[in-house]
Amino acid sequence: MAAAAYHDDHMRSLTCQRLQLDEIWAFCHSKAKNVPEEHKGKFGYGDVWTWVALDADTKLVPAFTLGGRNSAVAWEFVADLSKRLANRVQLTTDGNQMYLNAMDNAFAGQVDYAMLVKRYGEDNVEGSRRYSPAEYSGSEKKIMTGDPDKKHISTSYVEQQNLTMRMGMRRFTRLTNGFSKKVENMACAVSLHFLHYNFVRVHQSLKGRTPAMAAGLTDRRWTIEDIVMLVEDAENSQNSN
């Protein structure tokens, strides 16, 4: 877990201004309806959600958490994010009500927080056959805490990152047999994805820079070789101990 350890160590004292939060679904071992009786209710069997925070300005992903889609994981995710920030920020989430108490717990009101609640038309497709949202019909911006700038109440960038994640990792591709069989392997893959996303992947909107460069975490674009060396150094350090 060298990638996760590096992320944890270096995503600290960040000066982000506007953050967008969202969750992306995948499954591990089997879909929820097919989980064996002896494994029902255990994390790592069935639905696994990746909770993601993204900086709208630098496109940096400062925090992510794998878990269920419940209040406990929401608290864990938002609390972890809050500890990585050096200043007050504006946050936008979707209409997931689990964020409300998590925000109060982590920021105690010291945040400019809004929800972007999207509305969809009727969905007549059975849940097990539904692979995309129902038709979008509109949205509402709800100010929850503080004084967020309404023109920056958006989740577009984090949703685009989720699409990049789903297109770039076969474990997240729908209707394939490439899903993760062990949640530990899934966690490693997600950590590597975000290390690459933050330090290697160039964004056109950042004028040829990576998110980590735009955020001032590094002065150069990493290569795949840098990631390989990071992993090898971590393995050698672990073996020497």
C-alpha atoms as a PDB file:
ATOM      1  CA  MET A   1       0.000   0.000   0.000  1.00  0.00           C
ATOM      2  CA  ALA A   2       2.860   2.372  -0.836  1.00  0.00           C
ATOM      3  CA  ALA A   3       0.558   4.607  -2.904  1.00  0.00           C
ATOM      4  CA  ALA A   4      -1.940   4.972  -0.045  1.00  0.00           C
ATOM      5  CA  ALA A   5       0.842   5.693   2.444  1.00  0.00           C
ATOM      6  CA  TYR A   6       2.362   8.366   0.195  1.00  0.00           C
ATOM      7  CA  HIS A   7      -1.035   9.979  -0.290  1.00  0.00           C
ATOM      8  CA  ASP A   8      -1.695   9.991   3.458  1.00  0.00           C
ATOM      9  CA  ASP A   9       1.687  11.531   4.255  1.00  0.00           C
ATOM     10  CA  HIS A  10       1.729  14.252   1.594  1.00  0.00           C
ATOM     11  CA  MET A  11      -1.877  15.418   1.352  1.00  0.00           C
ATOM     12  CA  ARG A  12      -1.537  17.696   4.354  1.00  0.00           C
ATOM     13  CA  SER A  13      -1.944  21.443   5.049  1.00  0.00           C
ATOM     14  CA  LEU A  14      -3.639  21.918   1.683  1.00  0.00           C
ATOM     15  CA  THR A  15      -4.846  25.386   0.658  1.00  0.00           C
ATOM     16  CA  CYS A  16      -7.836  24.276  -1.398  1.00  0.00           C
ATOM     17  CA  GLN A  17     -10.613  26.836  -1.883  1.00  0.00           C
ATOM     18  CA  ARG A  18     -13.479  24.955  -3.555  1.00  0.00           C
ATOM     19  CA  LEU A  19     -14.030  21.225  -3.131  1.00  0.00           C
ATOM     20  CA  GLN A  20     -16.566  18.900  -4.712  1.00  0.00           C
ATOM     21  CA  LEU A  21     -17.524  15.577  -3.090  1.00  0.00           C
ATOM     22  CA  ASP A  22     -19.198  12.543  -4.586  1.00  0.00           C
ATOM     23  CA  GLU A  23     -19.389   8.739  -4.400  1.00  0.00           C
ATOM     24  CA  ILE A  24     -18.867   6.139  -7.125  1.00  0.00           C
ATOM     25  CA  TRP A  25     -20.282   2.611  -6.958  1.00  0.00           C
ATOM     26  CA  ALA A  26     -18.606  -0.702  -7.725  1.00  0.00           C
ATOM     27  CA  PHE A  27     -18.858  -4.187  -6.297  1.00  0.00           C
ATOM     28  CA  CYS A  28     -16.412  -6.733  -4.950  1.00  0.00           C
ATOM     29  CA  HIS A  29     -16.533 -10.552  -4.947  1.00  0.00           C
ATOM     30  CA  SER A  30     -20.082 -10.542  -6.341  1.00  0.00           C
ATOM     31  CA  LYS A  31     -23.080  -8.290  -6.707  1.00  0.00           C
ATOM     32  CA  ALA A  32     -25.009  -7.763  -3.493  1.00  0.00           C
ATOM     33  CA  LYS A  33     -27.849 -10.059  -4.470  1.00  0.00           C
ATOM     34  CA  ASN A  34     -25.388 -12.917  -5.111  1.00  0.00           C
ATOM     35  CA  VAL A  35     -23.312 -12.641  -1.923  1.00  0.00           C
ATOM     36  CA  PRO A  36     -23.209 -16.008  -0.108  1.00  0.00           C
ATOM     37  CA  GLU A  37     -25.216 -16.113   3.095  1.00  0.00           C
ATOM     38  CA  GLU A  38     -22.110 -16.495   5.289  1.00  0.00           C
ATOM     39  CA  HIS A  39     -20.663 -13.234   3.898  1.00  0.00           C
ATOM     40  CA  LYS A  40     -23.771 -11.049   3.872  1.00  0.00           C
ATOM     41  CA  GLY A  41     -23.239  -7.787   5.718  1.00  0.00           C
ATOM     42  CA  LYS A  42     -19.434  -8.037   5.572  1.00  0.00           C
ATOM     43  CA  PHE A  43     -17.495  -5.197   3.955  1.00  0.00           C
ATOM     44  CA  GLY A  44     -15.801  -6.377   0.781  1.00  0.00           C
ATOM     45  CA  TYR A  45     -18.706  -8.511  -0.366  1.00  0.00           C
ATOM     46  CA  GLY A  46     -21.192  -6.820  -2.667  1.00  0.00           C
ATOM     47  CA  ASP A  47     -21.486  -3.034  -2.962  1.00  0.00           C
ATOM     48  CA  VAL A  48     -18.332  -0.969  -2.384  1.00  0.00           C
ATOM     49  CA  TRP A  49     -18.435   2.805  -2.690  1.00  0.00           C
ATOM     50  CA  THR A  50     -15.447   5.089  -3.250  1.00  0.00           C
ATOM     51  CA  TRP A  51     -16.008   8.493  -1.650  1.00  0.00           C
ATOM     52  CA  VAL A  52     -14.003  11.184  -3.459  1.00  0.00           C
ATOM     53  CA  ALA A  53     -13.146  14.839  -2.838  1.00  0.00           C
ATOM     54  CA  LEU A  54     -11.783  16.954  -5.687  1.00  0.00           C
ATOM     55  CA  ASP A  55     -10.380  20.500  -5.785  1.00  0.00           C
ATOM     56  CA  ALA A  56     -12.281  22.372  -8.501  1.00  0.00           C
ATOM     57  CA  ASP A  57      -9.324  24.682  -9.203  1.00  0.00           C
ATOM     58  CA  THR A  58      -6.330  22.328  -9.275  1.00  0.00           C
ATOM     59  CA  LYS A  59      -8.252  19.076  -9.946  1.00  0.00           C
ATOM     60  CA  LEU A  60      -6.323  17.545  -7.023  1.00  0.00           C
ATOM     61  CA  VAL A  61      -7.946  14.644  -5.159  1.00  0.00           C
ATOM     62  CA  PRO A  62      -6.963  15.333  -1.528  1.00  0.00           C
ATOM     63  CA  ALA A  63      -9.045  12.560   0.059  1.00  0.00           C
ATOM     64  CA  PHE A  64     -10.834   9.337  -0.783  1.00  0.00           C
ATOM     65  CA  THR A  65     -12.341   6.516   1.249  1.00  0.00           C
ATOM     66  CA  LEU A  66     -13.610   3.039   0.368  1.00  0.00           C
ATOM     67  CA  GLY A  67     -16.597   1.715   2.282  1.00  0.00           C
ATOM     68  CA  GLY A  68     -20.318   1.331   2.352  1.00  0.00           C
ATOM     69  CA  ARG A  69     -22.774   4.097   1.554  1.00  0.00           C
ATOM     70  CA  ASN A  70     -23.730   4.869   5.138  1.00  0.00           C
ATOM     71  CA  SER A  71     -23.391   7.551   7.786  1.00  0.00           C
ATOM     72  CA  ALA A  72     -20.372   5.958   9.473  1.00  0.00           C
ATOM     73  CA  VAL A  73     -18.307   6.040   6.284  1.00  0.00           C
ATOM     74  CA  ALA A  74     -19.523   9.564   5.503  1.00  0.00           C
ATOM     75  CA  TRP A  75     -18.223  10.685   8.925  1.00  0.00           C
ATOM     76  CA  GLU A  76     -14.893   8.939   8.351  1.00  0.00           C
ATOM     77  CA  PHE A  77     -14.465  10.435   4.887  1.00  0.00           C
ATOM     78  CA  VAL A  78     -15.368  14.026   5.752  1.00  0.00           C
ATOM     79  CA  ALA A  79     -13.351  13.955   8.999  1.00  0.00           C
ATOM     80  CA  ASP A  80     -10.288  12.733   7.093  1.00  0.00           C
ATOM     81  CA  LEU A  81     -10.733  15.483   4.494  1.00  0.00           C
ATOM     82  CA  SER A  82     -11.059  18.221   7.125  1.00  0.00           C
ATOM     83  CA  LYS A  83      -7.733  17.243   8.718  1.00  0.00           C
ATOM     84  CA  ARG A  84      -5.926  17.752   5.408  1.00  0.00           C
ATOM     85  CA  LEU A  85      -7.017  21.376   4.929  1.00  0.00           C
ATOM     86  CA  ALA A  86      -5.193  24.494   6.081  1.00  0.00           C
ATOM     87  CA  ASN A  87      -8.052  26.977   5.673  1.00  0.00           C
ATOM     88  CA  ARG A  88     -11.795  27.434   5.392  1.00  0.00           C
ATOM     89  CA  VAL A  89     -13.213  26.025   2.159  1.00  0.00           C
ATOM     90  CA  GLN A  90     -16.377  25.922   0.091  1.00  0.00           C
ATOM     91  CA  LEU A  91     -17.785  22.407  -0.277  1.00  0.00           C
ATOM     92  CA  THR A  92     -20.430  21.054  -2.629  1.00  0.00           C
ATOM     93  CA  THR A  93     -22.024  17.614  -2.400  1.00  0.00           C
ATOM     94  CA  ASP A  94     -24.988  15.977  -4.033  1.00  0.00           C
ATOM     95  CA  GLY A  95     -28.221  15.579  -2.068  1.00  0.00           C
ATOM     96  CA  ASN A  96     -26.927  12.651   0.001  1.00  0.00           C
ATOM     97  CA  GLN A  97     -28.311  13.406   3.482  1.00  0.00           C
ATOM     98  CA  MET A  98     -25.508  11.424   5.138  1.00  0.00           C
ATOM     99  CA  TYR A  99     -23.197  14.394   4.542  1.00  0.00           C
ATOM    100  CA  LEU A 100     -25.143  16.708   6.843  1.00  0.00           C
ATOM    101  CA  ASN A 101     -24.102  15.327  10.227  1.00  0.00           C
ATOM    102  CA  ALA A 102     -20.665  14.458   8.861  1.00  0.00           C
ATOM    103  CA  MET A 103     -20.078  18.129   7.980  1.00  0.00           C
ATOM    104  CA  ASP A 104     -21.227  19.307  11.403  1.00  0.00           C
ATOM    105  CA  ASN A 105     -18.976  16.783  13.102  1.00  0.00           C
ATOM    106  CA  ALA A 106     -15.862  17.550  11.048  1.00  0.00           C
ATOM    107  CA  PHE A 107     -16.098  21.330  10.529  1.00  0.00           C
ATOM    108  CA  ALA A 108     -18.339  22.504  13.391  1.00  0.00           C
ATOM    109  CA  GLY A 109     -19.844  25.164  11.144  1.00  0.00           C
ATOM    110  CA  GLN A 110     -16.493  26.504   9.913  1.00  0.00           C
ATOM    111  CA  VAL A 111     -17.200  25.741   6.269  1.00  0.00           C
ATOM    112  CA  ASP A 112     -19.207  27.167   3.374  1.00  0.00           C
ATOM    113  CA  TYR A 113     -21.277  24.163   2.413  1.00  0.00           C
ATOM    114  CA  ALA A 114     -23.977  23.667  -0.213  1.00  0.00           C
ATOM    115  CA  MET A 115     -25.844  20.756  -1.756  1.00  0.00           C
ATOM    116  CA  LEU A 116     -26.623  20.403  -5.443  1.00  0.00           C
ATOM    117  CA  VAL A 117     -29.811  18.350  -5.462  1.00  0.00           C
ATOM    118  CA  LYS A 118     -30.519  16.875  -8.875  1.00  0.00           C
ATOM    119  CA  ARG A 119     -33.954  15.809 -10.008  1.00  0.00           C
ATOM    120  CA  TYR A 120     -34.670  12.943 -12.356  1.00  0.00           C
ATOM    121  CA  GLY A 121     -37.758  11.721 -14.149  1.00  0.00           C
ATOM    122  CA  GLU A 122     -39.547   8.483 -13.397  1.00  0.00           C
ATOM    123  CA  ASP A 123     -37.491   5.343 -13.767  1.00  0.00           C
ATOM    124  CA  ASN A 124     -39.503   2.365 -14.956  1.00  0.00           C
ATOM    125  CA  VAL A 125     -36.509   0.035 -15.270  1.00  0.00           C
ATOM    126  CA  GLU A 126     -36.013  -2.616 -12.610  1.00  0.00           C
ATOM    127  CA  GLY A 127     -33.096  -1.850 -10.252  1.00  0.00           C
ATOM    128  CA  SER A 128     -31.113  -4.933 -11.256  1.00  0.00           C
ATOM    129  CA  ARG A 129     -31.260  -3.844 -14.914  1.00  0.00           C
ATOM    130  CA  ARG A 130     -30.547  -0.172 -14.339  1.00  0.00           C
ATOM    131  CA  TYR A 131     -27.073   0.820 -15.551  1.00  0.00           C
ATOM    132  CA  SER A 132     -27.491   4.594 -15.857  1.00  0.00           C
ATOM    133  CA  PRO A 133     -29.535   7.272 -14.060  1.00  0.00           C
ATOM    134  CA  ALA A 134     -33.051   8.166 -15.111  1.00  0.00           C
ATOM    135  CA  GLU A 135     -33.467  11.209 -17.355  1.00  0.00           C
ATOM    136  CA  TYR A 136     -32.177  14.409 -15.717  1.00  0.00           C
ATOM    137  CA  SER A 137     -34.882  17.035 -15.231  1.00  0.00           C
ATOM    138  CA  GLY A 138     -33.214  19.813 -13.226  1.00  0.00           C
ATOM    139  CA  SER A 139     -31.358  20.729 -10.036  1.00  0.00           C
ATOM    140  CA  GLU A 140     -31.614  22.913  -6.965  1.00  0.00           C
ATOM    141  CA  LYS A 141     -28.798  24.643  -5.096  1.00  0.00           C
ATOM    142  CA  LYS A 142     -29.287  24.464  -1.330  1.00  0.00           C
ATOM    143  CA  ILE A 143     -27.072  26.452   1.039  1.00  0.00           C
ATOM    144  CA  MET A 144     -26.547  24.389   4.185  1.00  0.00           C
ATOM    145  CA  THR A 145     -23.801  26.178   6.162  1.00  0.00           C
ATOM    146  CA  GLY A 146     -21.922  29.455   5.868  1.00  0.00           C
ATOM    147  CA  ASP A 147     -21.904  31.633   2.753  1.00  0.00           C
ATOM    148  CA  PRO A 148     -20.955  29.583  -0.328  1.00  0.00           C
ATOM    149  CA  ASP A 149     -20.620  31.387  -3.667  1.00  0.00           C
ATOM    150  CA  LYS A 150     -23.606  30.171  -5.702  1.00  0.00           C
ATOM    151  CA  LYS A 151     -21.740  30.254  -9.004  1.00  0.00           C
ATOM    152  CA  HIS A 152     -19.323  27.641  -7.609  1.00  0.00           C
ATOM    153  CA  ILE A 153     -21.993  25.258  -6.313  1.00  0.00           C
ATOM    154  CA  SER A 154     -21.268  22.362  -8.642  1.00  0.00           C
ATOM    155  CA  THR A 155     -20.233  18.711  -8.731  1.00  0.00           C
ATOM    156  CA  SER A 156     -19.274  18.639 -12.415  1.00  0.00           C
ATOM    157  CA  TYR A 157     -15.546  18.190 -11.920  1.00  0.00           C
ATOM    158  CA  VAL A 158     -15.775  15.356  -9.410  1.00  0.00           C
ATOM    159  CA  GLU A 159     -18.345  13.618 -11.605  1.00  0.00           C
ATOM    160  CA  GLN A 160     -15.918  13.907 -14.528  1.00  0.00           C
ATOM    161  CA  GLN A 161     -13.224  12.343 -12.339  1.00  0.00           C
ATOM    162  CA  ASN A 162     -15.600   9.505 -11.523  1.00  0.00           C
ATOM    163  CA  LEU A 163     -16.059   8.898 -15.245  1.00  0.00           C
ATOM    164  CA  THR A 164     -12.274   8.896 -15.714  1.00  0.00           C
ATOM    165  CA  MET A 165     -12.052   6.382 -12.891  1.00  0.00           C
ATOM    166  CA  ARG A 166     -14.714   4.121 -14.376  1.00  0.00           C
ATOM    167  CA  MET A 167     -13.202   4.282 -17.866  1.00  0.00           C
ATOM    168  CA  GLY A 168      -9.621   3.827 -16.665  1.00  0.00           C
ATOM    169  CA  MET A 169     -10.026   0.911 -14.258  1.00  0.00           C
ATOM    170  CA  ARG A 170     -11.572  -2.311 -15.459  1.00  0.00           C
ATOM    171  CA  ARG A 171     -12.642  -3.094 -11.881  1.00  0.00           C
ATOM    172  CA  PHE A 172     -15.144  -0.225 -12.197  1.00  0.00           C
ATOM    173  CA  THR A 173     -16.385  -1.005 -15.718  1.00  0.00           C
ATOM    174  CA  ARG A 174     -19.994  -2.142 -15.718  1.00  0.00           C
ATOM    175  CA  LEU A 175     -21.137  -5.447 -17.247  1.00  0.00           C
ATOM    176  CA  THR A 176     -17.715  -7.111 -17.326  1.00  0.00           C
ATOM    177  CA  ASN A 177     -16.006  -9.899 -15.394  1.00  0.00           C
ATOM    178  CA  GLY A 178     -13.122  -7.620 -14.380  1.00  0.00           C
ATOM    179  CA  PHE A 179     -14.553  -6.741 -10.969  1.00  0.00           C
ATOM    180  CA  SER A 180     -12.392  -7.083  -7.856  1.00  0.00           C
ATOM    181  CA  LYS A 181     -12.488 -10.418  -6.080  1.00  0.00           C
ATOM    182  CA  LYS A 182     -10.804  -9.095  -2.904  1.00  0.00           C
ATOM    183  CA  VAL A 183     -11.428  -5.666  -1.407  1.00  0.00           C
ATOM    184  CA  GLU A 184      -7.746  -5.341  -0.454  1.00  0.00           C
ATOM    185  CA  ASN A 185      -6.808  -5.557  -4.129  1.00  0.00           C
ATOM    186  CA  MET A 186      -9.493  -3.039  -4.978  1.00  0.00           C
ATOM    187  CA  ALA A 187      -8.134  -0.605  -2.381  1.00  0.00           C
ATOM    188  CA  CYS A 188      -4.625  -0.920  -3.827  1.00  0.00           C
ATOM    189  CA  ALA A 189      -5.916  -0.279  -7.352  1.00  0.00           C
ATOM    190  CA  VAL A 190      -7.831   2.813  -6.236  1.00  0.00           C
ATOM    191  CA  SER A 191      -4.779   4.170  -4.390  1.00  0.00           C
ATOM    192  CA  LEU A 192      -2.606   3.706  -7.486  1.00  0.00           C
ATOM    193  CA  HIS A 193      -5.251   5.396  -9.612  1.00  0.00           C
ATOM    194  CA  PHE A 194      -5.262   8.506  -7.456  1.00  0.00           C
ATOM    195  CA  LEU A 195      -1.467   8.632  -7.198  1.00  0.00           C
ATOM    196  CA  HIS A 196      -1.318   8.566 -11.002  1.00  0.00           C
ATOM    197  CA  TYR A 197      -4.228  11.008 -11.295  1.00  0.00           C
ATOM    198  CA  ASN A 198      -2.636  13.539  -8.937  1.00  0.00           C
ATOM    199  CA  PHE A 199       1.026  13.305  -9.925  1.00  0.00           C
ATOM    200  CA  VAL A 200       1.262  11.878 -13.476  1.00  0.00           C
ATOM    201  CA  ARG A 201      -1.882  12.746 -15.427  1.00  0.00           C
ATOM    202  CA  VAL A 202      -1.718  16.130 -17.171  1.00  0.00           C
ATOM    203  CA  HIS A 203      -4.889  18.214 -17.473  1.00  0.00           C
ATOM    204  CA  GLN A 204      -5.359  20.560 -20.430  1.00  0.00           C
ATOM    205  CA  SER A 205      -7.142  23.051 -18.199  1.00  0.00           C
ATOM    206  CA  LEU A 206      -3.991  23.225 -16.046  1.00  0.00           C
ATOM    207  CA  LYS A 207      -1.811  24.184 -19.048  1.00  0.00           C
ATOM    208  CA  GLY A 208       0.195  20.987 -19.156  1.00  0.00           C
ATOM    209  CA  ARG A 209       0.513  20.562 -15.408  1.00  0.00           C
ATOM    210  CA  THR A 210      -0.632  17.782 -13.127  1.00  0.00           C
ATOM    211  CA  PRO A 211      -2.993  18.471 -10.194  1.00  0.00           C
ATOM    212  CA  ALA A 212      -0.099  18.026  -7.755  1.00  0.00           C
ATOM    213  CA  MET A 213       1.919  20.650  -9.636  1.00  0.00           C
ATOM    214  CA  ALA A 214      -1.020  23.061  -9.685  1.00  0.00           C
ATOM    215  CA  ALA A 215      -1.466  22.546  -5.930  1.00  0.00           C
ATOM    216  CA  GLY A 216       2.227  23.179  -5.231  1.00  0.00           C
ATOM    217  CA  LEU A 217       2.967  19.647  -4.013  1.00  0.00           C
ATOM    218  CA  THR A 218       5.682  19.034  -6.607  1.00  0.00           C
ATOM    219  CA  ASP A 219       7.573  21.058  -9.197  1.00  0.00           C
ATOM    220  CA  ARG A 220       7.583  18.444 -11.953  1.00  0.00           C
ATOM    221  CA  ARG A 221       5.423  15.893 -13.655  1.00  0.00           C
ATOM    222  CA  TRP A 222       5.952  12.393 -12.325  1.00  0.00           C
ATOM    223  CA  THR A 223       6.434   9.395 -14.604  1.00  0.00           C
ATOM    224  CA  ILE A 224       5.327   5.786 -14.277  1.00  0.00           C
ATOM    225  CA  GLU A 225       8.929   5.012 -13.343  1.00  0.00           C
ATOM    226  CA  ASP A 226       8.586   7.325 -10.334  1.00  0.00           C
ATOM    227  CA  ILE A 227       5.615   5.321  -9.116  1.00  0.00           C
ATOM    228  CA  VAL A 228       7.451   2.033  -9.655  1.00  0.00           C
ATOM    229  CA  MET A 229      10.429   3.332  -7.675  1.00  0.00           C
ATOM    230  CA  LEU A 230       8.141   4.512  -4.890  1.00  0.00           C
ATOM    231  CA  VAL A 231       6.590   1.053  -4.600  1.00  0.00           C
ATOM    232  CA  GLU A 232       9.974  -0.709  -4.765  1.00  0.00           C
ATOM    233  CA  ASP A 233      11.463   1.566  -2.097  1.00  0.00           C
ATOM    234  CA  ALA A 234       8.501   0.862   0.187  1.00  0.00           C
ATOM    235  CA  GLU A 235       8.882  -2.891  -0.333  1.00  0.00           C
ATOM    236  CA  ASN A 236      12.633  -2.780   0.319  1.00  0.00           C
ATOM    237  CA  SER A 237      12.072  -0.731   3.483  1.00  0.00           C
ATOM    238  CA  GLN A 238       9.471  -3.202   4.705  1.00  0.00           C
ATOM    239  CA  ASN A 239      11.726  -6.198   3.983  1.00  0.00           C
ATOM    240  CA  SER A 240      14.661  -4.606   5.810  1.00  0.00           C
ATOM    241  CA  ASN A 241      12.514  -4.164   8.895  1.00  0.00           C
END
